[in-house]
N, C-alpha and C. Protein backbone atom coordinates (compact mmCIF):
# COMPACT_ATOMS: atom_id res chain seq x y z
N MET A 1 49.99 -35.91 125.68
CA MET A 1 50.00 -35.03 124.70
C MET A 1 49.53 -35.28 123.16
N ALA A 2 48.96 -34.21 122.44
CA ALA A 2 47.56 -34.82 121.93
C ALA A 2 48.59 -34.12 120.33
N PRO A 3 48.72 -35.04 119.10
CA PRO A 3 49.38 -35.02 117.98
C PRO A 3 49.06 -33.34 117.27
N ARG A 4 50.42 -32.85 117.30
CA ARG A 4 50.33 -31.23 116.15
C ARG A 4 49.55 -31.47 114.85
N SER A 5 48.41 -30.12 115.16
CA SER A 5 47.45 -30.95 113.62
C SER A 5 47.96 -29.70 112.88
N GLY A 6 47.71 -30.06 111.67
CA GLY A 6 47.75 -28.80 110.60
C GLY A 6 46.77 -28.48 109.80
N ARG A 7 45.63 -29.09 110.69
CA ARG A 7 44.85 -28.55 109.73
C ARG A 7 43.45 -28.06 110.68
N SER A 8 42.40 -27.27 110.88
CA SER A 8 41.41 -27.04 111.91
C SER A 8 40.53 -27.86 111.66
N ARG A 9 40.61 -28.93 112.18
CA ARG A 9 39.17 -30.41 112.64
C ARG A 9 38.81 -30.86 113.70
N GLN A 10 37.46 -30.65 113.28
CA GLN A 10 36.89 -31.00 114.97
C GLN A 10 36.89 -32.48 115.05
N VAL A 11 37.35 -33.42 115.37
CA VAL A 11 37.26 -34.81 115.31
C VAL A 11 36.21 -35.38 116.55
N PRO A 12 34.95 -35.74 117.23
CA PRO A 12 34.79 -35.91 118.05
C PRO A 12 35.53 -37.02 119.00
N ARG A 13 35.51 -37.00 120.12
CA ARG A 13 36.33 -37.90 120.92
C ARG A 13 35.80 -39.25 120.76
N ASP A 14 34.86 -39.16 120.76
CA ASP A 14 33.84 -40.66 120.27
C ASP A 14 33.51 -40.30 119.33
N ALA A 15 33.98 -40.57 118.53
CA ALA A 15 33.29 -41.23 117.34
C ALA A 15 32.45 -42.07 116.76
N VAL A 16 33.68 -43.25 117.44
CA VAL A 16 33.46 -44.55 117.07
C VAL A 16 32.61 -45.07 118.28
N HIS A 17 31.80 -45.54 118.48
CA HIS A 17 31.07 -45.92 120.07
C HIS A 17 30.58 -47.09 119.82
N HIS A 18 31.85 -48.68 120.38
CA HIS A 18 31.08 -49.78 120.35
C HIS A 18 32.01 -50.74 121.51
N PRO A 19 31.19 -49.74 122.66
CA PRO A 19 31.95 -51.18 124.04
C PRO A 19 31.81 -52.00 124.07
N LEU A 20 30.81 -53.07 123.53
CA LEU A 20 30.57 -54.15 124.00
C LEU A 20 31.79 -54.81 122.78
N PHE A 21 31.72 -54.22 121.88
CA PHE A 21 32.69 -55.08 120.83
C PHE A 21 33.86 -54.67 121.15
N ALA A 22 34.53 -53.47 121.72
CA ALA A 22 35.89 -53.45 122.41
C ALA A 22 36.19 -53.95 123.70
N ARG A 23 35.18 -54.63 124.57
CA ARG A 23 35.31 -55.61 125.41
C ARG A 23 35.81 -56.82 124.87
N CYS A 24 35.10 -57.62 124.07
CA CYS A 24 35.42 -58.51 123.33
C CYS A 24 36.75 -59.04 122.24
N TYR A 25 37.09 -57.89 121.33
CA TYR A 25 37.90 -57.35 120.61
C TYR A 25 39.03 -57.33 121.94
N ALA A 26 39.26 -56.76 122.86
CA ALA A 26 40.52 -56.68 123.48
C ALA A 26 40.68 -58.21 124.20
N ARG A 27 39.71 -58.78 124.15
CA ARG A 27 40.29 -60.94 124.70
C ARG A 27 40.92 -61.26 123.63
N VAL A 28 40.04 -60.88 122.98
CA VAL A 28 40.17 -62.01 121.65
C VAL A 28 41.57 -61.37 121.06
N SER A 29 41.83 -60.72 120.60
CA SER A 29 43.12 -59.97 119.83
C SER A 29 44.49 -60.74 120.54
N GLU A 30 43.99 -60.33 122.42
CA GLU A 30 45.12 -60.86 122.97
C GLU A 30 45.46 -62.52 122.68
N ARG A 31 44.41 -63.17 123.07
CA ARG A 31 44.36 -64.98 122.61
C ARG A 31 45.04 -64.62 121.60
N ALA A 32 44.62 -64.28 120.45
CA ALA A 32 44.86 -64.70 119.13
C ALA A 32 46.68 -64.16 118.83
N GLU A 33 47.63 -63.70 119.74
CA GLU A 33 49.13 -63.32 119.28
C GLU A 33 49.60 -64.51 119.37
N THR A 34 49.29 -65.25 120.09
CA THR A 34 49.71 -66.63 120.59
C THR A 34 49.04 -67.58 119.32
N ARG A 35 47.71 -67.39 119.64
CA ARG A 35 47.38 -69.35 119.30
C ARG A 35 46.99 -69.03 117.63
N LEU A 36 46.99 -67.99 116.94
CA LEU A 36 46.94 -67.21 115.53
C LEU A 36 48.50 -66.83 115.14
N GLY A 37 49.36 -66.94 115.97
CA GLY A 37 50.56 -66.21 115.63
C GLY A 37 50.45 -64.75 114.90
N LEU A 38 49.46 -63.85 115.66
CA LEU A 38 49.59 -62.65 115.19
C LEU A 38 50.73 -61.58 115.82
N GLY A 39 51.54 -62.50 116.46
CA GLY A 39 52.23 -61.65 117.63
C GLY A 39 53.26 -61.41 116.02
N GLY A 40 53.73 -63.29 115.52
CA GLY A 40 54.87 -62.90 115.01
C GLY A 40 54.32 -62.13 113.52
N LEU A 41 53.17 -61.75 113.09
CA LEU A 41 52.78 -61.25 112.10
C LEU A 41 53.06 -59.60 111.93
N ARG A 42 52.67 -59.40 113.42
CA ARG A 42 52.80 -58.11 113.43
C ARG A 42 54.62 -57.99 113.89
N ARG A 43 55.90 -58.72 113.95
CA ARG A 43 56.88 -58.41 113.71
C ARG A 43 57.16 -58.01 112.56
N ARG A 44 56.81 -58.99 111.64
CA ARG A 44 57.12 -58.83 110.65
C ARG A 44 56.37 -58.06 109.71
N LEU A 45 55.32 -56.88 109.88
CA LEU A 45 54.76 -56.15 109.82
C LEU A 45 55.65 -54.93 109.65
N LEU A 46 56.36 -54.81 110.89
CA LEU A 46 56.82 -53.51 111.09
C LEU A 46 58.43 -53.91 111.17
N ALA A 47 58.96 -54.70 111.14
CA ALA A 47 60.44 -54.65 111.02
C ALA A 47 61.17 -53.80 109.74
N GLY A 48 61.90 -53.12 110.35
CA GLY A 48 63.04 -52.44 109.81
C GLY A 48 61.85 -51.04 109.39
N ALA A 49 60.82 -50.49 109.95
CA ALA A 49 60.28 -49.34 110.02
C ALA A 49 61.09 -48.18 110.32
N SER A 50 60.98 -47.10 110.31
CA SER A 50 62.18 -46.21 111.05
C SER A 50 60.91 -44.26 110.32
N GLY A 51 61.91 -43.54 111.20
CA GLY A 51 61.29 -42.44 111.25
C GLY A 51 60.41 -42.19 112.18
N ARG A 52 59.52 -41.14 111.52
CA ARG A 52 58.11 -40.82 112.13
C ARG A 52 57.17 -42.15 111.43
N VAL A 53 56.59 -42.32 112.43
CA VAL A 53 55.19 -42.86 112.09
C VAL A 53 53.97 -42.72 112.48
N ILE A 54 52.44 -42.99 111.49
CA ILE A 54 51.23 -43.36 112.54
C ILE A 54 50.74 -44.25 112.03
N GLU A 55 49.88 -44.50 112.90
CA GLU A 55 49.54 -45.99 113.28
C GLU A 55 48.19 -45.53 113.51
N VAL A 56 47.14 -45.82 111.93
CA VAL A 56 45.78 -45.98 111.76
C VAL A 56 44.94 -46.67 112.33
N GLY A 57 44.01 -46.35 113.68
CA GLY A 57 43.57 -47.35 113.93
C GLY A 57 44.07 -48.17 115.17
N ALA A 58 44.74 -47.81 116.10
CA ALA A 58 45.81 -48.82 117.13
C ALA A 58 45.03 -49.60 117.40
N GLY A 59 44.10 -49.44 118.22
CA GLY A 59 43.12 -50.25 118.25
C GLY A 59 43.68 -50.14 120.25
N ASN A 60 43.95 -51.30 120.49
CA ASN A 60 44.38 -52.03 122.10
C ASN A 60 46.00 -51.75 121.75
N GLY A 61 46.19 -50.98 121.02
CA GLY A 61 48.03 -51.48 121.14
C GLY A 61 48.78 -52.60 120.88
N LEU A 62 48.51 -53.14 120.04
CA LEU A 62 49.09 -54.33 120.26
C LEU A 62 50.35 -54.01 119.47
N ASN A 63 50.37 -53.57 118.68
CA ASN A 63 51.81 -53.56 117.59
C ASN A 63 52.80 -52.66 118.33
N PHE A 64 52.36 -51.95 119.33
CA PHE A 64 53.59 -51.07 119.91
C PHE A 64 54.39 -51.79 120.83
N ALA A 65 54.72 -53.02 120.99
CA ALA A 65 55.94 -53.82 121.42
C ALA A 65 56.57 -54.23 120.11
N HIS A 66 56.10 -54.52 119.19
CA HIS A 66 56.96 -54.67 118.12
C HIS A 66 57.48 -53.46 117.37
N TYR A 67 57.45 -52.67 117.42
CA TYR A 67 57.97 -50.94 116.85
C TYR A 67 59.63 -51.40 116.71
N PRO A 68 60.46 -51.17 115.98
CA PRO A 68 61.68 -51.68 115.92
C PRO A 68 62.68 -50.23 116.45
N GLY A 69 64.10 -49.88 116.89
CA GLY A 69 64.30 -49.25 117.11
C GLY A 69 64.99 -47.65 115.80
N GLY A 70 64.46 -47.65 115.07
CA GLY A 70 64.63 -46.93 114.60
C GLY A 70 63.75 -45.96 113.69
N VAL A 71 62.40 -46.69 114.60
CA VAL A 71 61.60 -45.75 114.41
C VAL A 71 61.29 -44.55 116.11
N SER A 72 61.23 -43.56 115.20
CA SER A 72 61.17 -41.79 116.56
C SER A 72 60.64 -42.00 117.13
N GLU A 73 59.01 -41.63 116.48
CA GLU A 73 57.86 -41.27 116.75
C GLU A 73 56.92 -42.68 116.58
N VAL A 74 55.90 -42.63 117.51
CA VAL A 74 54.45 -43.37 116.51
C VAL A 74 53.48 -42.37 117.49
N VAL A 75 53.08 -41.98 116.39
CA VAL A 75 51.19 -41.07 116.53
C VAL A 75 50.30 -42.38 116.66
N ALA A 76 49.58 -42.90 117.51
CA ALA A 76 48.59 -43.60 117.31
C ALA A 76 47.23 -43.27 117.43
N ILE A 77 46.23 -43.45 116.01
CA ILE A 77 45.05 -42.52 116.28
C ILE A 77 44.13 -43.70 116.69
N GLU A 78 43.23 -43.38 117.37
CA GLU A 78 42.24 -44.36 117.73
C GLU A 78 41.21 -43.82 118.20
N PRO A 79 39.67 -44.19 117.29
CA PRO A 79 38.32 -43.50 117.84
C PRO A 79 37.57 -44.06 119.32
N GLU A 80 38.00 -45.26 119.45
CA GLU A 80 37.30 -46.06 120.29
C GLU A 80 37.66 -45.53 121.59
N ARG A 81 36.82 -45.44 122.61
CA ARG A 81 36.95 -45.04 123.98
C ARG A 81 37.90 -46.14 124.80
N ARG A 82 37.08 -47.43 124.93
CA ARG A 82 37.50 -47.96 125.81
C ARG A 82 39.38 -48.43 125.16
N LEU A 83 38.99 -48.91 123.84
CA LEU A 83 40.50 -49.33 123.38
C LEU A 83 41.85 -48.35 123.39
N ARG A 84 40.89 -46.87 123.06
CA ARG A 84 42.27 -46.10 123.35
C ARG A 84 43.27 -46.02 125.15
N ARG A 85 42.09 -46.12 125.90
CA ARG A 85 42.14 -46.41 127.37
C ARG A 85 43.97 -47.54 126.87
N LEU A 86 43.38 -48.49 126.71
CA LEU A 86 44.05 -49.77 126.30
C LEU A 86 45.47 -49.74 125.79
N ALA A 87 45.01 -49.20 124.31
CA ALA A 87 46.15 -48.15 123.81
C ALA A 87 47.29 -47.81 124.13
N VAL A 88 47.06 -46.77 125.78
CA VAL A 88 47.70 -45.33 125.92
C VAL A 88 48.39 -46.35 127.87
N ASP A 89 47.62 -47.48 127.68
CA ASP A 89 48.35 -48.66 128.72
C ASP A 89 49.68 -49.37 127.83
N ALA A 90 49.14 -49.59 126.85
CA ALA A 90 50.68 -50.56 126.18
C ALA A 90 51.39 -49.69 125.80
N ALA A 91 51.17 -48.17 125.20
CA ALA A 91 52.19 -47.01 124.89
C ALA A 91 53.35 -46.60 125.90
N GLN A 92 52.71 -46.77 127.17
CA GLN A 92 53.54 -46.86 128.20
C GLN A 92 54.97 -48.26 128.60
N ARG A 93 54.43 -48.92 127.60
CA ARG A 93 55.43 -50.43 127.92
C ARG A 93 56.12 -50.60 126.70
N ALA A 94 56.00 -49.18 125.47
CA ALA A 94 56.41 -49.41 124.54
C ALA A 94 58.27 -49.10 124.15
N ALA A 95 58.72 -49.42 123.29
CA ALA A 95 60.50 -49.25 123.50
C ALA A 95 60.72 -47.80 122.95
N VAL A 96 59.59 -47.48 122.29
CA VAL A 96 59.89 -46.25 121.37
C VAL A 96 58.40 -45.29 122.08
N PRO A 97 58.94 -43.55 121.40
CA PRO A 97 57.47 -43.26 122.07
C PRO A 97 56.70 -43.21 121.18
N VAL A 98 55.39 -43.06 121.97
CA VAL A 98 54.05 -43.52 121.52
C VAL A 98 53.19 -42.33 121.73
N ASP A 99 52.67 -41.50 120.98
CA ASP A 99 51.27 -40.79 121.90
C ASP A 99 50.04 -41.38 120.87
N VAL A 100 49.19 -41.71 121.89
CA VAL A 100 47.96 -41.87 121.81
C VAL A 100 46.91 -40.91 121.58
N ALA A 101 46.08 -40.75 120.70
CA ALA A 101 45.30 -39.70 120.59
C ALA A 101 43.79 -40.30 119.78
N PRO A 102 42.69 -39.71 119.64
CA PRO A 102 42.08 -39.55 119.40
C PRO A 102 41.67 -39.51 117.95
N GLY A 103 40.54 -40.16 117.21
CA GLY A 103 40.65 -39.30 115.85
C GLY A 103 40.33 -40.29 114.72
N VAL A 104 39.77 -39.95 113.64
CA VAL A 104 38.94 -41.13 112.92
C VAL A 104 40.16 -40.93 111.95
N ALA A 105 40.14 -41.98 111.12
CA ALA A 105 40.77 -43.02 109.59
C ALA A 105 40.48 -41.46 108.74
N GLU A 106 39.25 -41.17 108.67
CA GLU A 106 38.58 -39.96 107.35
C GLU A 106 38.83 -39.28 108.41
N ALA A 107 39.43 -38.67 108.51
CA ALA A 107 39.85 -37.09 109.24
C ALA A 107 41.16 -37.12 110.32
N LEU A 108 41.89 -37.17 109.98
CA LEU A 108 42.96 -37.71 110.44
C LEU A 108 44.06 -36.20 111.25
N PRO A 109 43.97 -35.78 112.24
CA PRO A 109 43.97 -35.04 113.35
C PRO A 109 45.95 -34.30 113.09
N VAL A 110 46.24 -34.28 112.14
CA VAL A 110 47.81 -34.19 112.31
C VAL A 110 47.83 -33.81 110.71
N LYS A 111 49.27 -33.07 110.77
CA LYS A 111 49.44 -32.23 109.42
C LYS A 111 49.63 -33.38 108.18
N SER A 112 49.64 -32.65 106.80
CA SER A 112 50.05 -32.99 105.73
C SER A 112 51.47 -33.55 105.67
N GLU A 113 51.92 -34.19 104.61
CA GLU A 113 53.08 -34.55 104.81
C GLU A 113 54.32 -34.84 105.69
N ALA A 114 53.72 -35.59 107.02
CA ALA A 114 54.51 -35.41 108.83
C ALA A 114 55.01 -36.52 108.77
N PHE A 115 55.03 -37.40 107.75
CA PHE A 115 55.54 -39.12 108.48
C PHE A 115 56.07 -39.97 107.37
N ASP A 116 56.80 -40.86 107.83
CA ASP A 116 58.09 -41.19 107.04
C ASP A 116 56.90 -42.61 107.05
N VAL A 117 56.03 -43.55 107.95
CA VAL A 117 55.70 -44.81 107.45
C VAL A 117 53.80 -44.39 107.89
N ALA A 118 53.40 -45.00 107.26
CA ALA A 118 51.53 -45.67 107.82
C ALA A 118 51.79 -46.69 107.86
N VAL A 119 51.13 -46.95 109.04
CA VAL A 119 50.84 -48.38 109.62
C VAL A 119 49.23 -48.64 109.48
N VAL A 120 48.32 -49.93 108.75
CA VAL A 120 47.04 -49.46 109.00
C VAL A 120 47.17 -51.45 109.30
N SER A 121 46.93 -51.73 110.41
CA SER A 121 46.29 -53.15 110.87
C SER A 121 45.21 -53.87 110.93
N LEU A 122 44.52 -54.56 110.55
CA LEU A 122 42.93 -54.80 110.91
C LEU A 122 42.06 -53.39 111.09
N VAL A 123 42.21 -52.47 110.19
CA VAL A 123 41.57 -51.62 110.44
C VAL A 123 40.72 -51.00 109.06
N LEU A 124 41.32 -51.32 107.41
CA LEU A 124 40.47 -51.07 106.74
C LEU A 124 39.17 -51.21 106.38
N CYS A 125 39.03 -52.64 107.12
CA CYS A 125 38.18 -53.34 107.21
C CYS A 125 36.36 -52.92 107.86
N SER A 126 36.97 -51.77 108.96
CA SER A 126 35.63 -51.18 109.49
C SER A 126 36.22 -49.90 109.18
N VAL A 127 36.96 -49.28 108.84
CA VAL A 127 36.44 -47.29 108.35
C VAL A 127 35.42 -47.79 107.80
N ARG A 128 34.08 -46.16 108.42
CA ARG A 128 32.93 -46.03 106.84
C ARG A 128 33.12 -46.00 106.05
N ASP A 129 34.26 -44.77 105.69
CA ASP A 129 34.70 -44.21 104.02
C ASP A 129 35.84 -45.18 103.82
N LEU A 130 35.97 -45.91 103.12
CA LEU A 130 37.85 -46.45 102.91
C LEU A 130 38.57 -45.47 101.70
N PRO A 131 38.16 -45.73 100.50
CA PRO A 131 38.40 -44.47 99.83
C PRO A 131 38.74 -42.70 100.40
N ARG A 132 38.03 -42.44 101.20
CA ARG A 132 38.58 -41.10 101.98
C ARG A 132 39.32 -41.22 103.62
N ALA A 133 39.23 -42.25 103.89
CA ALA A 133 40.14 -43.12 104.70
C ALA A 133 42.02 -43.43 103.74
N LEU A 134 42.07 -43.37 102.91
CA LEU A 134 43.40 -43.51 102.03
C LEU A 134 43.44 -42.23 101.34
N ALA A 135 42.92 -41.32 100.93
CA ALA A 135 43.25 -40.74 100.53
C ALA A 135 43.88 -39.59 102.24
N GLU A 136 43.44 -39.74 103.46
CA GLU A 136 44.08 -39.40 104.46
C GLU A 136 45.61 -39.67 104.83
N VAL A 137 45.60 -41.14 104.46
CA VAL A 137 46.96 -41.45 104.57
C VAL A 137 48.02 -41.06 103.43
N HIS A 138 47.20 -40.97 102.49
CA HIS A 138 48.14 -40.56 100.95
C HIS A 138 48.52 -39.22 101.63
N ARG A 139 47.62 -38.36 102.01
CA ARG A 139 47.66 -37.14 102.71
C ARG A 139 49.15 -36.56 104.23
N VAL A 140 49.09 -37.80 104.91
CA VAL A 140 50.03 -36.91 106.03
C VAL A 140 50.87 -37.94 105.61
N LEU A 141 51.14 -38.82 104.50
CA LEU A 141 52.23 -39.37 104.50
C LEU A 141 53.11 -38.46 103.31
N ARG A 142 54.67 -38.21 104.07
CA ARG A 142 55.71 -37.30 102.88
C ARG A 142 56.06 -37.92 101.30
N PRO A 143 56.45 -37.57 100.24
CA PRO A 143 56.68 -38.29 98.78
C PRO A 143 57.45 -39.77 99.47
N GLY A 144 57.34 -40.45 98.45
CA GLY A 144 58.13 -41.75 99.23
C GLY A 144 57.07 -42.57 100.49
N GLY A 145 56.79 -41.56 101.17
CA GLY A 145 56.63 -42.22 102.41
C GLY A 145 56.00 -43.94 102.27
N GLU A 146 56.14 -44.50 103.01
CA GLU A 146 55.68 -46.04 103.00
C GLU A 146 54.44 -46.46 103.72
N VAL A 147 53.64 -47.30 103.44
CA VAL A 147 52.10 -47.83 104.14
C VAL A 147 52.70 -49.70 104.49
N ARG A 148 52.88 -49.83 105.81
CA ARG A 148 52.54 -50.90 106.29
C ARG A 148 51.50 -51.53 106.20
N PHE A 149 50.76 -52.65 105.47
CA PHE A 149 49.25 -53.05 105.87
C PHE A 149 49.09 -54.28 106.18
N PHE A 150 48.44 -54.58 107.25
CA PHE A 150 48.17 -55.82 107.46
C PHE A 150 46.41 -55.75 107.14
N GLU A 151 45.83 -56.71 106.70
CA GLU A 151 44.33 -56.47 106.64
C GLU A 151 44.01 -58.04 107.00
N HIS A 152 42.56 -58.33 106.29
CA HIS A 152 41.75 -59.04 106.05
C HIS A 152 40.60 -58.50 105.18
N GLY A 153 40.38 -59.69 104.08
CA GLY A 153 38.97 -59.37 103.34
C GLY A 153 39.04 -60.72 102.22
N ARG A 154 38.53 -59.98 101.19
CA ARG A 154 37.78 -60.92 100.16
C ARG A 154 39.26 -62.14 99.45
N GLY A 155 37.97 -63.14 99.98
CA GLY A 155 39.17 -64.46 99.64
C GLY A 155 38.11 -65.65 99.47
N GLY A 156 39.05 -66.69 98.65
CA GLY A 156 38.12 -67.36 98.95
C GLY A 156 37.62 -67.75 96.91
N GLY A 157 36.80 -69.12 97.10
CA GLY A 157 35.79 -68.88 95.66
C GLY A 157 34.57 -68.41 95.64
N ARG A 158 34.00 -68.71 94.81
CA ARG A 158 32.43 -68.03 94.67
C ARG A 158 31.72 -68.04 95.81
N ALA A 159 31.58 -69.20 96.75
CA ALA A 159 30.77 -69.62 97.71
C ALA A 159 30.89 -68.58 99.00
N MET A 160 32.09 -68.61 99.05
CA MET A 160 33.01 -68.15 99.80
C MET A 160 32.70 -66.71 99.60
N ALA A 161 32.94 -66.04 98.17
CA ALA A 161 32.63 -64.39 98.25
C ALA A 161 30.94 -63.97 98.04
N LEU A 162 30.40 -64.92 97.81
CA LEU A 162 28.71 -64.79 98.51
C LEU A 162 28.21 -64.79 99.50
N THR A 163 29.20 -65.34 100.67
CA THR A 163 28.88 -65.39 102.13
C THR A 163 29.14 -63.95 102.70
N GLN A 164 30.25 -63.73 102.16
CA GLN A 164 31.30 -62.32 102.61
C GLN A 164 30.12 -61.13 102.35
N ARG A 165 29.70 -61.36 100.91
CA ARG A 165 29.33 -59.71 100.42
C ARG A 165 27.15 -60.35 101.09
N ALA A 166 27.23 -61.32 101.91
CA ALA A 166 25.93 -61.62 102.68
C ALA A 166 25.74 -61.12 104.58
N LEU A 167 27.19 -61.48 104.58
CA LEU A 167 27.28 -61.23 105.91
C LEU A 167 27.11 -59.28 106.56
N ASP A 168 28.21 -58.96 105.21
CA ASP A 168 28.52 -57.33 104.86
C ASP A 168 27.27 -56.59 104.51
N ARG A 169 26.26 -57.07 104.21
CA ARG A 169 24.53 -56.50 103.99
C ARG A 169 24.12 -56.97 104.89
N THR A 170 23.99 -57.86 106.20
CA THR A 170 23.65 -57.33 107.19
C THR A 170 23.78 -57.92 108.63
N VAL A 171 24.28 -58.91 108.94
CA VAL A 171 24.40 -58.76 110.24
C VAL A 171 25.84 -58.74 110.79
N TRP A 172 26.78 -58.63 109.62
CA TRP A 172 27.97 -59.25 110.42
C TRP A 172 28.90 -57.45 111.09
N PRO A 173 28.76 -56.23 109.98
CA PRO A 173 29.28 -55.20 111.05
C PRO A 173 28.47 -54.23 111.84
N PRO A 174 27.19 -54.74 112.29
CA PRO A 174 26.25 -54.07 113.79
C PRO A 174 27.02 -55.51 115.12
N LEU A 175 27.46 -56.60 114.06
CA LEU A 175 27.89 -57.15 115.36
C LEU A 175 29.41 -57.04 115.86
N SER A 176 29.85 -56.45 114.98
CA SER A 176 31.80 -56.56 115.32
C SER A 176 32.09 -55.38 114.63
N GLY A 177 31.77 -54.26 115.68
CA GLY A 177 32.50 -53.46 115.49
C GLY A 177 32.57 -52.18 114.07
N GLY A 178 31.28 -52.70 113.15
CA GLY A 178 31.65 -51.89 111.78
C GLY A 178 32.38 -52.72 110.70
N CYS A 179 32.95 -53.90 111.23
CA CYS A 179 33.92 -54.53 110.28
C CYS A 179 33.18 -55.13 108.99
N HIS A 180 33.20 -55.07 107.71
CA HIS A 180 33.54 -55.88 106.66
C HIS A 180 34.43 -56.85 105.61
N VAL A 181 34.08 -58.04 105.58
CA VAL A 181 34.28 -59.01 105.20
C VAL A 181 34.87 -59.03 104.20
N SER A 182 34.19 -58.23 102.72
CA SER A 182 33.99 -58.54 101.65
C SER A 182 35.30 -57.35 100.66
N ARG A 183 35.49 -56.49 101.43
CA ARG A 183 36.60 -55.72 101.13
C ARG A 183 37.68 -56.12 100.49
N ASP A 184 38.94 -55.22 99.24
CA ASP A 184 39.84 -55.57 98.80
C ASP A 184 41.04 -54.83 99.09
N PRO A 185 41.73 -54.82 100.04
CA PRO A 185 42.24 -53.97 100.73
C PRO A 185 43.76 -53.32 99.44
N VAL A 186 43.81 -54.89 99.32
CA VAL A 186 45.08 -54.29 97.90
C VAL A 186 44.39 -53.57 96.86
N ALA A 187 43.37 -53.51 96.52
CA ALA A 187 43.08 -52.84 95.26
C ALA A 187 41.95 -51.70 95.83
N ALA A 188 41.69 -51.44 96.99
CA ALA A 188 41.39 -50.20 97.38
C ALA A 188 43.06 -49.32 97.56
N LEU A 189 43.93 -49.89 98.39
CA LEU A 189 45.22 -49.02 98.38
C LEU A 189 46.00 -48.79 96.83
N ARG A 190 45.91 -49.55 95.64
CA ARG A 190 45.70 -49.06 94.54
C ARG A 190 45.24 -48.31 93.80
N GLU A 191 44.11 -48.14 94.20
CA GLU A 191 42.68 -46.98 93.32
C GLU A 191 43.24 -46.19 94.01
N ALA A 192 43.64 -45.99 95.51
CA ALA A 192 44.30 -44.87 96.30
C ALA A 192 45.31 -43.85 95.70
N GLY A 193 45.99 -44.35 94.42
CA GLY A 193 47.01 -44.56 94.00
C GLY A 193 48.33 -44.36 94.43
N PHE A 194 48.47 -45.16 95.56
CA PHE A 194 49.83 -45.96 96.47
C PHE A 194 50.62 -47.04 95.42
N VAL A 195 51.43 -47.20 95.36
CA VAL A 195 52.53 -48.03 94.55
C VAL A 195 51.99 -49.37 95.52
N LEU A 196 52.08 -50.62 94.92
CA LEU A 196 52.28 -51.79 95.74
C LEU A 196 53.96 -51.77 95.88
N GLY A 197 53.51 -52.54 96.85
CA GLY A 197 55.08 -53.92 96.80
C GLY A 197 54.79 -54.64 97.00
N PRO A 198 55.90 -55.55 97.65
CA PRO A 198 55.81 -57.10 97.87
C PRO A 198 54.66 -57.32 98.86
N TYR A 199 54.16 -58.34 98.81
CA TYR A 199 52.81 -58.16 99.59
C TYR A 199 52.56 -60.20 99.39
N ARG A 200 52.30 -60.56 100.46
CA ARG A 200 51.43 -61.90 100.91
C ARG A 200 49.88 -62.35 101.39
N ARG A 201 49.76 -63.41 100.70
CA ARG A 201 48.56 -64.01 101.31
C ARG A 201 48.51 -64.83 102.26
N ILE A 202 47.35 -64.65 103.81
CA ILE A 202 47.84 -65.82 104.45
C ILE A 202 46.26 -65.73 104.75
N LEU A 203 45.93 -67.44 104.91
CA LEU A 203 45.07 -67.93 105.41
C LEU A 203 45.33 -68.13 107.32
N LEU A 204 44.11 -67.04 108.04
CA LEU A 204 44.30 -67.75 109.19
C LEU A 204 42.71 -68.28 110.09
N PRO A 205 42.89 -69.47 110.41
CA PRO A 205 44.00 -69.95 111.13
C PRO A 205 44.65 -70.63 109.88
N GLU A 206 46.03 -70.50 109.89
CA GLU A 206 46.54 -71.52 109.11
C GLU A 206 46.45 -72.90 108.22
N ASN A 207 45.90 -73.78 109.56
CA ASN A 207 45.68 -74.84 109.45
C ASN A 207 44.15 -75.01 109.57
N GLY A 208 43.50 -74.42 109.64
CA GLY A 208 42.23 -74.75 110.00
C GLY A 208 41.30 -74.55 109.25
N PRO A 209 39.59 -74.22 109.61
CA PRO A 209 39.11 -74.24 108.60
C PRO A 209 38.80 -72.69 108.22
N ALA A 210 38.44 -72.68 106.85
CA ALA A 210 38.21 -71.07 106.72
C ALA A 210 37.14 -70.57 106.75
N LEU A 211 37.38 -69.55 107.83
CA LEU A 211 36.53 -68.84 107.47
C LEU A 211 35.79 -67.16 106.89
N PRO A 212 35.50 -66.76 106.73
CA PRO A 212 34.80 -65.35 105.94
C PRO A 212 35.93 -64.26 106.73
N THR A 213 36.34 -64.88 107.32
CA THR A 213 37.42 -63.61 108.00
C THR A 213 39.26 -63.96 107.84
N SER A 214 39.13 -65.02 107.36
CA SER A 214 40.73 -65.91 106.99
C SER A 214 41.24 -65.20 105.90
N TYR A 215 41.05 -64.45 105.22
CA TYR A 215 41.91 -64.45 104.47
C TYR A 215 42.27 -62.83 104.57
N CYS A 216 44.17 -63.18 104.21
CA CYS A 216 44.33 -61.54 105.10
C CYS A 216 45.54 -61.36 104.11
N VAL A 217 46.38 -60.33 104.10
CA VAL A 217 46.94 -59.92 102.98
C VAL A 217 48.30 -59.15 104.09
N LEU A 218 49.13 -59.34 104.07
CA LEU A 218 50.57 -58.33 104.28
C LEU A 218 51.74 -58.57 103.70
N GLY A 219 51.93 -56.53 104.00
CA GLY A 219 52.46 -55.96 102.20
C GLY A 219 52.95 -55.11 102.55
N THR A 220 53.33 -54.11 101.93
CA THR A 220 53.79 -52.32 101.65
C THR A 220 53.27 -52.02 100.57
N ALA A 221 53.25 -50.83 100.71
CA ALA A 221 52.73 -49.85 99.52
C ALA A 221 53.61 -48.54 99.95
N TRP A 222 53.88 -47.84 98.78
CA TRP A 222 54.56 -46.72 98.56
C TRP A 222 53.61 -45.40 97.99
N ARG A 223 53.88 -44.20 98.42
CA ARG A 223 53.20 -43.08 98.40
C ARG A 223 54.13 -42.40 97.11
N ARG A 224 54.04 -41.96 96.27
CA ARG A 224 54.95 -41.51 94.83
C ARG A 224 55.66 -40.61 95.27
N PRO A 225 56.76 -40.61 94.77
CA PRO A 225 57.99 -39.67 95.11
C PRO A 225 57.56 -38.15 94.40
């Protein structure tokens, strides 16, 4: 069942097409659930969420198993075909109702002010237009609605910052499904008009070498009432 749309938006079913990356991401992300502790971080990300939830960029659906019983419905938007098929399989195993649908973050195919919670999890790095994507998140949240975010981005000292910017300008986005390592998700949320709540900086792997992708942040933000 497709999500109910309040706008006439023609979104191609395969607006994002990265089949090789999707195959690799599905394998690596499942191993990272235990090896890097991402499963525990997903539980923390979603603990206490309730009501109607929109998940933007659901990937292969690894968040679905961690939604608590207070969630009445999850509408999960995923543009990449292979990842979307995996997300549909994960939705069938979820303890809460999950509806997986095609769509892009910059043009969410749902009504305005229709959701209590928006979840962005390792997705803001790869959206094509970050301000527009967050404007869409703002649009679909009800006033006072909550954003739960777990993202990676800018971090480390000057040398790491230079490395991240160099990667973003050259090889990293084409090799990693459009991912960027030098974006600042906290600043982007603030600039989009959200009120920042508590958030925590995390280094992954926690005890390993710091990589350009290691600098993560987990937290909450709100749309103003």
